Amino acid sequence: MAVKSVRLSVGSIFPKDPGKIYFYRYQAEGHRKTVSLQTTNRAEALRKAEEFIPIIKATSTEVIAAHVQQAKGFATAKRDLPLSGVWDYYSMHPDRANPATIHEQLQYKDFRRYLLQI
């Protein structure tokens, strides 16, 4: 029996041999790419291939980075912080500018006082 490929909106999935692992083939920037989907189940292969489509269709690096972070689980849901807890949350962040934070903290406190007066 012949091996059947399934066409998707971008690319297609196919097994190399009957009963073997599925692969996803697509074309990006004029080059053909093939990615192993690490499954022998056709339905699971379709699901995994569909996860690649937004990344392939993305037009900018920021969009691609957001898709990759979400797929790897690095993206976290945004949470609401009360205005009084914002500075404490910022001061714990590892990427903050350490020497300049004292001046920024004073400006933030003045801004918070201004908002409370309104």
PDB file of N, CA and C in Angstrom:
ATOM      1  N   MET A   1       0.838  -1.175   0.000  1.00  0.00           N
ATOM      2  CA  MET A   1       0.000   0.000   0.000  1.00  0.00           C
ATOM      3  C   MET A   1       0.888   1.245   0.000  1.00  0.00           C
ATOM      4  N   ALA A   2       0.499   2.251  -0.753  1.00  0.00           N
ATOM      5  CA  ALA A   2       1.292   3.465  -0.881  1.00  0.00           C
ATOM      6  C   ALA A   2       1.170   4.322   0.376  1.00  0.00           C
ATOM      7  N   VAL A   3       2.231   5.041   0.682  1.00  0.00           N
ATOM      8  CA  VAL A   3       2.249   5.936   1.828  1.00  0.00           C
ATOM      9  C   VAL A   3       1.544   7.222   1.420  1.00  0.00           C
ATOM     10  N   LYS A   4       0.537   7.630   2.206  1.00  0.00           N
ATOM     11  CA  LYS A   4      -0.247   8.818   1.885  1.00  0.00           C
ATOM     12  C   LYS A   4       0.262  10.013   2.678  1.00  0.00           C
ATOM     13  N   SER A   5       0.418  11.126   1.977  1.00  0.00           N
ATOM     14  CA  SER A   5       0.755  12.361   2.669  1.00  0.00           C
ATOM     15  C   SER A   5      -0.525  13.170   2.837  1.00  0.00           C
ATOM     16  N   VAL A   6      -0.528  14.031   3.844  1.00  0.00           N
ATOM     17  CA  VAL A   6      -1.677  14.884   4.127  1.00  0.00           C
ATOM     18  C   VAL A   6      -1.246  16.322   3.925  1.00  0.00           C
ATOM     19  N   ARG A   7      -1.938  17.037   3.031  1.00  0.00           N
ATOM     20  CA  ARG A   7      -1.608  18.434   2.776  1.00  0.00           C
ATOM     21  C   ARG A   7      -2.249  19.314   3.838  1.00  0.00           C
ATOM     22  N   LEU A   8      -1.500  20.282   4.300  1.00  0.00           N
ATOM     23  CA  LEU A   8      -1.988  21.257   5.268  1.00  0.00           C
ATOM     24  C   LEU A   8      -1.977  22.629   4.608  1.00  0.00           C
ATOM     25  N   SER A   9      -2.394  23.667   5.343  1.00  0.00           N
ATOM     26  CA  SER A   9      -2.381  25.011   4.762  1.00  0.00           C
ATOM     27  C   SER A   9      -0.962  25.440   4.406  1.00  0.00           C
ATOM     28  N   VAL A  10       0.001  25.001   5.188  1.00  0.00           N
ATOM     29  CA  VAL A  10       1.420  25.225   4.881  1.00  0.00           C
ATOM     30  C   VAL A  10       2.121  23.891   5.052  1.00  0.00           C
ATOM     31  N   GLY A  11       2.578  23.301   3.965  1.00  0.00           N
ATOM     32  CA  GLY A  11       3.324  22.055   4.029  1.00  0.00           C
ATOM     33  C   GLY A  11       2.446  20.824   4.069  1.00  0.00           C
ATOM     34  N   SER A  12       3.055  19.700   4.409  1.00  0.00           N
ATOM     35  CA  SER A  12       2.341  18.424   4.476  1.00  0.00           C
ATOM     36  C   SER A  12       3.042  17.500   5.464  1.00  0.00           C
ATOM     37  N   ILE A  13       2.286  16.494   5.933  1.00  0.00           N
ATOM     38  CA  ILE A  13       2.884  15.475   6.790  1.00  0.00           C
ATOM     39  C   ILE A  13       2.895  14.157   6.032  1.00  0.00           C
ATOM     40  N   PHE A  14       3.880  13.330   6.335  1.00  0.00           N
ATOM     41  CA  PHE A  14       3.993  12.035   5.664  1.00  0.00           C
ATOM     42  C   PHE A  14       4.861  11.114   6.505  1.00  0.00           C
ATOM     43  N   PRO A  15       4.601   9.798   6.443  1.00  0.00           N
ATOM     44  CA  PRO A  15       5.526   8.837   7.061  1.00  0.00           C
ATOM     45  C   PRO A  15       6.522   8.379   6.004  1.00  0.00           C
ATOM     46  N   LYS A  16       7.746   8.130   6.399  1.00  0.00           N
ATOM     47  CA  LYS A  16       8.739   7.659   5.420  1.00  0.00           C
ATOM     48  C   LYS A  16       8.352   6.284   4.892  1.00  0.00           C
ATOM     49  N   ASP A  17       7.875   5.402   5.764  1.00  0.00           N
ATOM     50  CA  ASP A  17       7.412   4.062   5.402  1.00  0.00           C
ATOM     51  C   ASP A  17       6.102   3.812   6.142  1.00  0.00           C
ATOM     52  N   PRO A  18       5.269   2.880   5.680  1.00  0.00           N
ATOM     53  CA  PRO A  18       4.030   2.575   6.407  1.00  0.00           C
ATOM     54  C   PRO A  18       4.320   2.143   7.845  1.00  0.00           C
ATOM     55  N   GLY A  19       3.597   2.763   8.805  1.00  0.00           N
ATOM     56  CA  GLY A  19       3.772   2.426  10.215  1.00  0.00           C
ATOM     57  C   GLY A  19       4.971   3.077  10.867  1.00  0.00           C
ATOM     58  N   LYS A  20       5.655   3.965  10.187  1.00  0.00           N
ATOM     59  CA  LYS A  20       6.857   4.614  10.736  1.00  0.00           C
ATOM     60  C   LYS A  20       6.527   6.027  11.230  1.00  0.00           C
ATOM     61  N   ILE A  21       7.541   6.725  11.704  1.00  0.00           N
ATOM     62  CA  ILE A  21       7.394   8.071  12.252  1.00  0.00           C
ATOM     63  C   ILE A  21       6.989   9.052  11.152  1.00  0.00           C
ATOM     64  N   TYR A  22       6.089   9.995  11.520  1.00  0.00           N
ATOM     65  CA  TYR A  22       5.638  11.033  10.596  1.00  0.00           C
ATOM     66  C   TYR A  22       6.628  12.195  10.584  1.00  0.00           C
ATOM     67  N   PHE A  23       6.710  12.840   9.421  1.00  0.00           N
ATOM     68  CA  PHE A  23       7.535  14.020   9.224  1.00  0.00           C
ATOM     69  C   PHE A  23       6.665  15.143   8.692  1.00  0.00           C
ATOM     70  N   TYR A  24       7.072  16.376   8.963  1.00  0.00           N
ATOM     71  CA  TYR A  24       6.372  17.559   8.462  1.00  0.00           C
ATOM     72  C   TYR A  24       7.323  18.274   7.516  1.00  0.00           C
ATOM     73  N   ARG A  25       6.878  18.478   6.281  1.00  0.00           N
ATOM     74  CA  ARG A  25       7.700  19.152   5.277  1.00  0.00           C
ATOM     75  C   ARG A  25       7.023  20.459   4.892  1.00  0.00           C
ATOM     76  N   TYR A  26       7.802  21.545   4.892  1.00  0.00           N
ATOM     77  CA  TYR A  26       7.292  22.856   4.504  1.00  0.00           C
ATOM     78  C   TYR A  26       8.396  23.609   3.783  1.00  0.00           C
ATOM     79  N   GLN A  27       8.026  24.740   3.188  1.00  0.00           N
ATOM     80  CA  GLN A  27       9.003  25.548   2.471  1.00  0.00           C
ATOM     81  C   GLN A  27       9.062  26.922   3.121  1.00  0.00           C
ATOM     82  N   ALA A  28      10.269  27.367   3.458  1.00  0.00           N
ATOM     83  CA  ALA A  28      10.475  28.673   4.078  1.00  0.00           C
ATOM     84  C   ALA A  28      11.650  29.349   3.403  1.00  0.00           C
ATOM     85  N   GLU A  29      11.434  30.575   2.974  1.00  0.00           N
ATOM     86  CA  GLU A  29      12.467  31.381   2.319  1.00  0.00           C
ATOM     87  C   GLU A  29      13.103  30.637   1.154  1.00  0.00           C
ATOM     88  N   GLY A  30      12.300  29.923   0.397  1.00  0.00           N
ATOM     89  CA  GLY A  30      12.786  29.228  -0.790  1.00  0.00           C
ATOM     90  C   GLY A  30      13.499  27.919  -0.520  1.00  0.00           C
ATOM     91  N   HIS A  31      13.557  27.478   0.715  1.00  0.00           N
ATOM     92  CA  HIS A  31      14.223  26.225   1.065  1.00  0.00           C
ATOM     93  C   HIS A  31      13.205  25.255   1.651  1.00  0.00           C
ATOM     94  N   ARG A  32      13.298  24.001   1.250  1.00  0.00           N
ATOM     95  CA  ARG A  32      12.432  22.965   1.787  1.00  0.00           C
ATOM     96  C   ARG A  32      13.000  22.461   3.104  1.00  0.00           C
ATOM     97  N   LYS A  33      12.157  22.412   4.117  1.00  0.00           N
ATOM     98  CA  LYS A  33      12.562  21.947   5.447  1.00  0.00           C
ATOM     99  C   LYS A  33      11.730  20.725   5.814  1.00  0.00           C
ATOM    100  N   THR A  34      12.336  19.776   6.517  1.00  0.00           N
ATOM    101  CA  THR A  34      11.633  18.589   6.997  1.00  0.00           C
ATOM    102  C   THR A  34      11.921  18.430   8.486  1.00  0.00           C
ATOM    103  N   VAL A  35      10.850  18.272   9.269  1.00  0.00           N
ATOM    104  CA  VAL A  35      10.962  18.159  10.718  1.00  0.00           C
ATOM    105  C   VAL A  35      10.303  16.856  11.153  1.00  0.00           C
ATOM    106  N   SER A  36      10.985  16.094  11.997  1.00  0.00           N
ATOM    107  CA  SER A  36      10.409  14.865  12.537  1.00  0.00           C
ATOM    108  C   SER A  36       9.375  15.223  13.598  1.00  0.00           C
ATOM    109  N   LEU A  37       8.204  14.603  13.523  1.00  0.00           N
ATOM    110  CA  LEU A  37       7.146  14.855  14.499  1.00  0.00           C
ATOM    111  C   LEU A  37       7.179  13.861  15.652  1.00  0.00           C
ATOM    112  N   GLN A  38       8.079  12.884  15.619  1.00  0.00           N
ATOM    113  CA  GLN A  38       8.316  11.928  16.706  1.00  0.00           C
ATOM    114  C   GLN A  38       7.051  11.181  17.131  1.00  0.00           C
ATOM    115  N   THR A  39       6.210  10.811  16.156  1.00  0.00           N
ATOM    116  CA  THR A  39       5.020  10.027  16.460  1.00  0.00           C
ATOM    117  C   THR A  39       4.654   9.152  15.270  1.00  0.00           C
ATOM    118  N   THR A  40       4.043   8.014  15.555  1.00  0.00           N
ATOM    119  CA  THR A  40       3.552   7.138  14.490  1.00  0.00           C
ATOM    120  C   THR A  40       2.040   7.263  14.346  1.00  0.00           C
ATOM    121  N   ASN A  41       1.409   8.040  15.206  1.00  0.00           N
ATOM    122  CA  ASN A  41      -0.034   8.254  15.180  1.00  0.00           C
ATOM    123  C   ASN A  41      -0.355   9.422  14.248  1.00  0.00           C
ATOM    124  N   ARG A  42      -1.239   9.197  13.275  1.00  0.00           N
ATOM    125  CA  ARG A  42      -1.556  10.220  12.277  1.00  0.00           C
ATOM    126  C   ARG A  42      -2.247  11.436  12.901  1.00  0.00           C
ATOM    127  N   ALA A  43      -3.193  11.228  13.805  1.00  0.00           N
ATOM    128  CA  ALA A  43      -3.913  12.340  14.431  1.00  0.00           C
ATOM    129  C   ALA A  43      -2.970  13.202  15.269  1.00  0.00           C
ATOM    130  N   GLU A  44      -2.089  12.564  16.006  1.00  0.00           N
ATOM    131  CA  GLU A  44      -1.119  13.309  16.812  1.00  0.00           C
ATOM    132  C   GLU A  44      -0.139  14.060  15.914  1.00  0.00           C
ATOM    133  N   ALA A  45       0.238  13.458  14.800  1.00  0.00           N
ATOM    134  CA  ALA A  45       1.132  14.119  13.846  1.00  0.00           C
ATOM    135  C   ALA A  45       0.470  15.363  13.266  1.00  0.00           C
ATOM    136  N   LEU A  46      -0.818  15.278  12.950  1.00  0.00           N
ATOM    137  CA  LEU A  46      -1.548  16.453  12.453  1.00  0.00           C
ATOM    138  C   LEU A  46      -1.556  17.565  13.494  1.00  0.00           C
ATOM    139  N   ARG A  47      -1.810  17.208  14.752  1.00  0.00           N
ATOM    140  CA  ARG A  47      -1.837  18.206  15.826  1.00  0.00           C
ATOM    141  C   ARG A  47      -0.479  18.877  15.992  1.00  0.00           C
ATOM    142  N   LYS A  48       0.584  18.080  15.989  1.00  0.00           N
ATOM    143  CA  LYS A  48       1.931  18.640  16.149  1.00  0.00           C
ATOM    144  C   LYS A  48       2.313  19.521  14.966  1.00  0.00           C
ATOM    145  N   ALA A  49       1.924  19.117  13.757  1.00  0.00           N
ATOM    146  CA  ALA A  49       2.240  19.912  12.571  1.00  0.00           C
ATOM    147  C   ALA A  49       1.482  21.235  12.589  1.00  0.00           C
ATOM    148  N   GLU A  50       0.243  21.229  13.078  1.00  0.00           N
ATOM    149  CA  GLU A  50      -0.547  22.462  13.162  1.00  0.00           C
ATOM    150  C   GLU A  50       0.106  23.471  14.105  1.00  0.00           C
ATOM    151  N   GLU A  51       0.860  23.007  15.098  1.00  0.00           N
ATOM    152  CA  GLU A  51       1.545  23.919  16.014  1.00  0.00           C
ATOM    153  C   GLU A  51       2.672  24.681  15.321  1.00  0.00           C
ATOM    154  N   PHE A  52       3.227  24.127  14.252  1.00  0.00           N
ATOM    155  CA  PHE A  52       4.306  24.791  13.521  1.00  0.00           C
ATOM    156  C   PHE A  52       3.790  25.901  12.606  1.00  0.00           C
ATOM    157  N   ILE A  53       2.551  25.815  12.163  1.00  0.00           N
ATOM    158  CA  ILE A  53       2.038  26.716  11.128  1.00  0.00           C
ATOM    159  C   ILE A  53       2.090  28.191  11.533  1.00  0.00           C
ATOM    160  N   PRO A  54       1.662  28.605  12.755  1.00  0.00           N
ATOM    161  CA  PRO A  54       1.764  30.030  13.093  1.00  0.00           C
ATOM    162  C   PRO A  54       3.202  30.548  13.060  1.00  0.00           C
ATOM    163  N   ILE A  55       4.152  29.720  13.449  1.00  0.00           N
ATOM    164  CA  ILE A  55       5.558  30.142  13.438  1.00  0.00           C
ATOM    165  C   ILE A  55       6.043  30.321  12.008  1.00  0.00           C
ATOM    166  N   ILE A  56       5.655  29.417  11.123  1.00  0.00           N
ATOM    167  CA  ILE A  56       6.089  29.496   9.728  1.00  0.00           C
ATOM    168  C   ILE A  56       5.454  30.692   9.033  1.00  0.00           C
ATOM    169  N   LYS A  57       4.195  31.000   9.351  1.00  0.00           N
ATOM    170  CA  LYS A  57       3.485  32.110   8.712  1.00  0.00           C
ATOM    171  C   LYS A  57       3.866  33.468   9.299  1.00  0.00           C
ATOM    172  N   ALA A  58       4.532  33.508  10.440  1.00  0.00           N
ATOM    173  CA  ALA A  58       4.868  34.769  11.105  1.00  0.00           C
ATOM    174  C   ALA A  58       5.783  35.607  10.228  1.00  0.00           C
ATOM    175  N   THR A  59       5.582  36.934  10.292  1.00  0.00           N
ATOM    176  CA  THR A  59       6.330  37.837   9.427  1.00  0.00           C
ATOM    177  C   THR A  59       7.491  38.531  10.123  1.00  0.00           C
ATOM    178  N   SER A  60       7.465  38.626  11.443  1.00  0.00           N
ATOM    179  CA  SER A  60       8.548  39.329  12.131  1.00  0.00           C
ATOM    180  C   SER A  60       9.167  38.438  13.201  1.00  0.00           C
ATOM    181  N   THR A  61      10.369  38.792  13.605  1.00  0.00           N
ATOM    182  CA  THR A  61      11.068  37.996  14.610  1.00  0.00           C
ATOM    183  C   THR A  61      10.393  38.085  15.978  1.00  0.00           C
ATOM    184  N   GLU A  62       9.727  39.233  16.276  1.00  0.00           N
ATOM    185  CA  GLU A  62       9.044  39.370  17.559  1.00  0.00           C
ATOM    186  C   GLU A  62       7.880  38.387  17.655  1.00  0.00           C
ATOM    187  N   VAL A  63       7.140  38.242  16.550  1.00  0.00           N
ATOM    188  CA  VAL A  63       6.010  37.316  16.539  1.00  0.00           C
ATOM    189  C   VAL A  63       6.512  35.884  16.681  1.00  0.00           C
ATOM    190  N   ILE A  64       7.587  35.563  15.980  1.00  0.00           N
ATOM    191  CA  ILE A  64       8.162  34.220  16.064  1.00  0.00           C
ATOM    192  C   ILE A  64       8.635  33.937  17.486  1.00  0.00           C
ATOM    193  N   ALA A  65       9.312  34.907  18.095  1.00  0.00           N
ATOM    194  CA  ALA A  65       9.803  34.723  19.465  1.00  0.00           C
ATOM    195  C   ALA A  65       8.648  34.507  20.439  1.00  0.00           C
ATOM    196  N   ALA A  66       7.554  35.231  20.254  1.00  0.00           N
ATOM    197  CA  ALA A  66       6.394  35.055  21.131  1.00  0.00           C
ATOM    198  C   ALA A  66       5.793  33.662  20.970  1.00  0.00           C
ATOM    199  N   HIS A  67       5.698  33.183  19.725  1.00  0.00           N
ATOM    200  CA  HIS A  67       5.166  31.836  19.495  1.00  0.00           C
ATOM    201  C   HIS A  67       6.068  30.776  20.127  1.00  0.00           C
ATOM    202  N   VAL A  68       7.367  30.939  19.982  1.00  0.00           N
ATOM    203  CA  VAL A  68       8.303  29.954  20.527  1.00  0.00           C
ATOM    204  C   VAL A  68       8.250  29.957  22.052  1.00  0.00           C
ATOM    205  N   GLN A  69       8.209  31.143  22.658  1.00  0.00           N
ATOM    206  CA  GLN A  69       8.127  31.209  24.119  1.00  0.00           C
ATOM    207  C   GLN A  69       6.853  30.566  24.632  1.00  0.00           C
ATOM    208  N   GLN A  70       5.750  30.803  23.931  1.00  0.00           N
ATOM    209  CA  GLN A  70       4.481  30.207  24.349  1.00  0.00           C
ATOM    210  C   GLN A  70       4.529  28.689  24.195  1.00  0.00           C
ATOM    211  N   ALA A  71       5.114  28.211  23.101  1.00  0.00           N
ATOM    212  CA  ALA A  71       5.184  26.770  22.856  1.00  0.00           C
ATOM    213  C   ALA A  71       6.081  26.072  23.878  1.00  0.00           C
ATOM    214  N   LYS A  72       7.157  26.713  24.278  1.00  0.00           N
ATOM    215  CA  LYS A  72       8.075  26.110  25.248  1.00  0.00           C
ATOM    216  C   LYS A  72       7.613  26.302  26.688  1.00  0.00           C
ATOM    217  N   GLY A  73       6.557  27.076  26.869  1.00  0.00           N
ATOM    218  CA  GLY A  73       6.026  27.278  28.212  1.00  0.00           C
ATOM    219  C   GLY A  73       6.707  28.396  28.970  1.00  0.00           C
ATOM    220  N   PHE A  74       7.497  29.226  28.283  1.00  0.00           N
ATOM    221  CA  PHE A  74       8.169  30.327  28.962  1.00  0.00           C
ATOM    222  C   PHE A  74       7.231  31.507  29.182  1.00  0.00           C
ATOM    223  N   ALA A  75       6.252  31.663  28.306  1.00  0.00           N
ATOM    224  CA  ALA A  75       5.324  32.778  28.427  1.00  0.00           C
ATOM    225  C   ALA A  75       4.363  32.493  29.576  1.00  0.00           C
ATOM    226  N   THR A  76       4.198  33.453  30.435  1.00  0.00           N
ATOM    227  CA  THR A  76       3.293  33.283  31.563  1.00  0.00           C
ATOM    228  C   THR A  76       2.118  34.236  31.407  1.00  0.00           C
ATOM    229  N   ALA A  77       1.045  33.901  32.027  1.00  0.00           N
ATOM    230  CA  ALA A  77      -0.132  34.758  31.975  1.00  0.00           C
ATOM    231  C   ALA A  77       0.153  36.053  32.729  1.00  0.00           C
ATOM    232  N   LYS A  78      -0.345  37.151  32.201  1.00  0.00           N
ATOM    233  CA  LYS A  78      -0.154  38.430  32.870  1.00  0.00           C
ATOM    234  C   LYS A  78      -1.076  38.487  34.070  1.00  0.00           C
ATOM    235  N   ARG A  79      -0.577  39.096  35.116  1.00  0.00           N
ATOM    236  CA  ARG A  79      -1.393  39.191  36.315  1.00  0.00           C
ATOM    237  C   ARG A  79      -1.533  40.651  36.716  1.00  0.00           C
ATOM    238  N   ASP A  80      -2.624  40.933  37.369  1.00  0.00           N
ATOM    239  CA  ASP A  80      -2.883  42.286  37.840  1.00  0.00           C
ATOM    240  C   ASP A  80      -2.168  42.494  39.168  1.00  0.00           C
ATOM    241  N   LEU A  81      -1.419  43.587  39.226  1.00  0.00           N
ATOM    242  CA  LEU A  81      -0.728  43.940  40.464  1.00  0.00           C
ATOM    243  C   LEU A  81      -1.354  45.207  41.019  1.00  0.00           C
ATOM    244  N   PRO A  82      -1.521  45.275  42.319  1.00  0.00           N
ATOM    245  CA  PRO A  82      -1.973  46.549  42.876  1.00  0.00           C
ATOM    246  C   PRO A  82      -0.843  47.569  42.748  1.00  0.00           C
ATOM    247  N   LEU A  83      -1.218  48.820  42.630  1.00  0.00           N
ATOM    248  CA  LEU A  83      -0.227  49.872  42.435  1.00  0.00           C
ATOM    249  C   LEU A  83       0.784  49.910  43.575  1.00  0.00           C
ATOM    250  N   SER A  84       0.360  49.550  44.765  1.00  0.00           N
ATOM    251  CA  SER A  84       1.278  49.574  45.906  1.00  0.00           C
ATOM    252  C   SER A  84       2.330  48.466  45.828  1.00  0.00           C
ATOM    253  N   GLY A  85       2.079  47.390  45.081  1.00  0.00           N
ATOM    254  CA  GLY A  85       3.023  46.281  45.012  1.00  0.00           C
ATOM    255  C   GLY A  85       3.887  46.262  43.771  1.00  0.00           C
ATOM    256  N   VAL A  86       3.724  47.249  42.894  1.00  0.00           N
ATOM    257  CA  VAL A  86       4.461  47.254  41.630  1.00  0.00           C
ATOM    258  C   VAL A  86       5.960  47.402  41.857  1.00  0.00           C
ATOM    259  N   TRP A  87       6.345  48.324  42.728  1.00  0.00           N
ATOM    260  CA  TRP A  87       7.781  48.548  42.927  1.00  0.00           C
ATOM    261  C   TRP A  87       8.458  47.321  43.539  1.00  0.00           C
ATOM    262  N   ASP A  88       7.805  46.665  44.474  1.00  0.00           N
ATOM    263  CA  ASP A  88       8.382  45.459  45.079  1.00  0.00           C
ATOM    264  C   ASP A  88       8.573  44.366  44.032  1.00  0.00           C
ATOM    265  N   TYR A  89       7.612  44.238  43.139  1.00  0.00           N
ATOM    266  CA  TYR A  89       7.719  43.239  42.066  1.00  0.00           C
ATOM    267  C   TYR A  89       8.889  43.588  41.135  1.00  0.00           C
ATOM    268  N   TYR A  90       9.017  44.872  40.779  1.00  0.00           N
ATOM    269  CA  TYR A  90      10.105  45.301  39.896  1.00  0.00           C
ATOM    270  C   TYR A  90      11.469  45.120  40.564  1.00  0.00           C
ATOM    271  N   SER A  91      11.563  45.411  41.842  1.00  0.00           N
ATOM    272  CA  SER A  91      12.863  45.342  42.517  1.00  0.00           C
ATOM    273  C   SER A  91      13.387  43.912  42.618  1.00  0.00           C
ATOM    274  N   MET A  92      12.523  42.913  42.486  1.00  0.00           N
ATOM    275  CA  MET A  92      12.947  41.511  42.517  1.00  0.00           C
ATOM    276  C   MET A  92      13.399  40.996  41.149  1.00  0.00           C
ATOM    277  N   HIS A  93      13.143  41.765  40.096  1.00  0.00           N
ATOM    278  CA  HIS A  93      13.461  41.289  38.745  1.00  0.00           C
ATOM    279  C   HIS A  93      14.976  41.276  38.531  1.00  0.00           C
ATOM    280  N   PRO A  94      15.537  40.195  37.969  1.00  0.00           N
ATOM    281  CA  PRO A  94      16.990  40.100  37.810  1.00  0.00           C
ATOM    282  C   PRO A  94      17.559  41.024  36.728  1.00  0.00           C
ATOM    283  N   ASP A  95      16.734  41.511  35.799  1.00  0.00           N
ATOM    284  CA  ASP A  95      17.251  42.337  34.703  1.00  0.00           C
ATOM    285  C   ASP A  95      17.138  43.835  34.966  1.00  0.00           C
ATOM    286  N   ARG A  96      16.789  44.226  36.164  1.00  0.00           N
ATOM    287  CA  ARG A  96      16.630  45.657  36.421  1.00  0.00           C
ATOM    288  C   ARG A  96      17.993  46.339  36.504  1.00  0.00           C
ATOM    289  N   ALA A  97      17.998  47.639  36.254  1.00  0.00           N
ATOM    290  CA  ALA A  97      19.230  48.417  36.343  1.00  0.00           C
ATOM    291  C   ALA A  97      19.467  48.753  37.810  1.00  0.00           C
ATOM    292  N   ASN A  98      20.476  48.164  38.405  1.00  0.00           N
ATOM    293  CA  ASN A  98      20.673  48.269  39.845  1.00  0.00           C
ATOM    294  C   ASN A  98      21.086  49.656  40.331  1.00  0.00           C
ATOM    295  N   PRO A  99      22.097  50.327  39.770  1.00  0.00           N
ATOM    296  CA  PRO A  99      22.496  51.615  40.345  1.00  0.00           C
ATOM    297  C   PRO A  99      21.436  52.709  40.195  1.00  0.00           C
ATOM    298  N   ALA A 100      20.637  52.643  39.146  1.00  0.00           N
ATOM    299  CA  ALA A 100      19.682  53.715  38.890  1.00  0.00           C
ATOM    300  C   ALA A 100      18.359  53.517  39.614  1.00  0.00           C
ATOM    301  N   THR A 101      18.199  52.442  40.328  1.00  0.00           N
ATOM    302  CA  THR A 101      16.886  52.141  40.890  1.00  0.00           C
ATOM    303  C   THR A 101      16.478  53.054  42.038  1.00  0.00           C
ATOM    304  N   ILE A 102      17.404  53.640  42.749  1.00  0.00           N
ATOM    305  CA  ILE A 102      17.039  54.521  43.863  1.00  0.00           C
ATOM    306  C   ILE A 102      16.311  55.747  43.329  1.00  0.00           C
ATOM    307  N   HIS A 103      16.844  56.348  42.278  1.00  0.00           N
ATOM    308  CA  HIS A 103      16.196  57.510  41.669  1.00  0.00           C
ATOM    309  C   HIS A 103      14.846  57.116  41.068  1.00  0.00           C
ATOM    310  N   GLU A 104      14.794  55.969  40.427  1.00  0.00           N
ATOM    311  CA  GLU A 104      13.535  55.502  39.836  1.00  0.00           C
ATOM    312  C   GLU A 104      12.498  55.231  40.917  1.00  0.00           C
ATOM    313  N   GLN A 105      12.932  54.692  42.041  1.00  0.00           N
ATOM    314  CA  GLN A 105      11.998  54.411  43.128  1.00  0.00           C
ATOM    315  C   GLN A 105      11.402  55.706  43.665  1.00  0.00           C
ATOM    316  N   LEU A 106      12.218  56.739  43.808  1.00  0.00           N
ATOM    317  CA  LEU A 106      11.704  58.028  44.280  1.00  0.00           C
ATOM    318  C   LEU A 106      10.704  58.609  43.289  1.00  0.00           C
ATOM    319  N   GLN A 107      11.010  58.510  41.996  1.00  0.00           N
ATOM    320  CA  GLN A 107      10.079  59.009  40.983  1.00  0.00           C
ATOM    321  C   GLN A 107       8.776  58.216  41.008  1.00  0.00           C
ATOM    322  N   TYR A 108       8.877  56.920  41.182  1.00  0.00           N
ATOM    323  CA  TYR A 108       7.676  56.086  41.232  1.00  0.00           C
ATOM    324  C   TYR A 108       6.811  56.451  42.432  1.00  0.00           C
ATOM    325  N   LYS A 109       7.434  56.660  43.585  1.00  0.00           N
ATOM    326  CA  LYS A 109       6.664  57.024  44.780  1.00  0.00           C
ATOM    327  C   LYS A 109       5.962  58.372  44.591  1.00  0.00           C
ATOM    328  N   ASP A 110       6.661  59.346  43.972  1.00  0.00           N
ATOM    329  CA  ASP A 110       6.029  60.635  43.688  1.00  0.00           C
ATOM    330  C   ASP A 110       4.849  60.462  42.735  1.00  0.00           C
ATOM    331  N   PHE A 111       5.015  59.636  41.728  1.00  0.00           N
ATOM    332  CA  PHE A 111       3.946  59.384  40.765  1.00  0.00           C
ATOM    333  C   PHE A 111       2.751  58.719  41.454  1.00  0.00           C
ATOM    334  N   ARG A 112       3.015  57.789  42.341  1.00  0.00           N
ATOM    335  CA  ARG A 112       1.941  57.103  43.062  1.00  0.00           C
ATOM    336  C   ARG A 112       1.185  58.077  43.970  1.00  0.00           C
ATOM    337  N   ARG A 113       1.932  58.973  44.640  1.00  0.00           N
ATOM    338  CA  ARG A 113       1.285  59.990  45.474  1.00  0.00           C
ATOM    339  C   ARG A 113       0.400  60.896  44.626  1.00  0.00           C
ATOM    340  N   TYR A 114       0.893  61.248  43.435  1.00  0.00           N
ATOM    341  CA  TYR A 114       0.119  62.095  42.522  1.00  0.00           C
ATOM    342  C   TYR A 114      -1.181  61.400  42.113  1.00  0.00           C
ATOM    343  N   LEU A 115      -1.102  60.115  41.793  1.00  0.00           N
ATOM    344  CA  LEU A 115      -2.299  59.377  41.386  1.00  0.00           C
ATOM    345  C   LEU A 115      -3.300  59.250  42.526  1.00  0.00           C
ATOM    346  N   LEU A 116      -2.812  59.117  43.748  1.00  0.00           N
ATOM    347  CA  LEU A 116      -3.715  58.999  44.891  1.00  0.00           C
ATOM    348  C   LEU A 116      -4.418  60.320  45.197  1.00  0.00           C
ATOM    349  N   GLN A 117      -3.811  61.459  44.826  1.00  0.00           N
ATOM    350  CA  GLN A 117      -4.416  62.766  45.062  1.00  0.00           C
ATOM    351  C   GLN A 117      -5.514  63.082  44.053  1.00  0.00           C
ATOM    352  N   ILE A 118      -5.475  62.449  42.916  1.00  0.00           N
ATOM    353  CA  ILE A 118      -6.460  62.753  41.856  1.00  0.00           C
ATOM    354  C   ILE A 118      -7.820  62.240  42.211  1.00  0.00           C
TER     355      ILE A 118
END
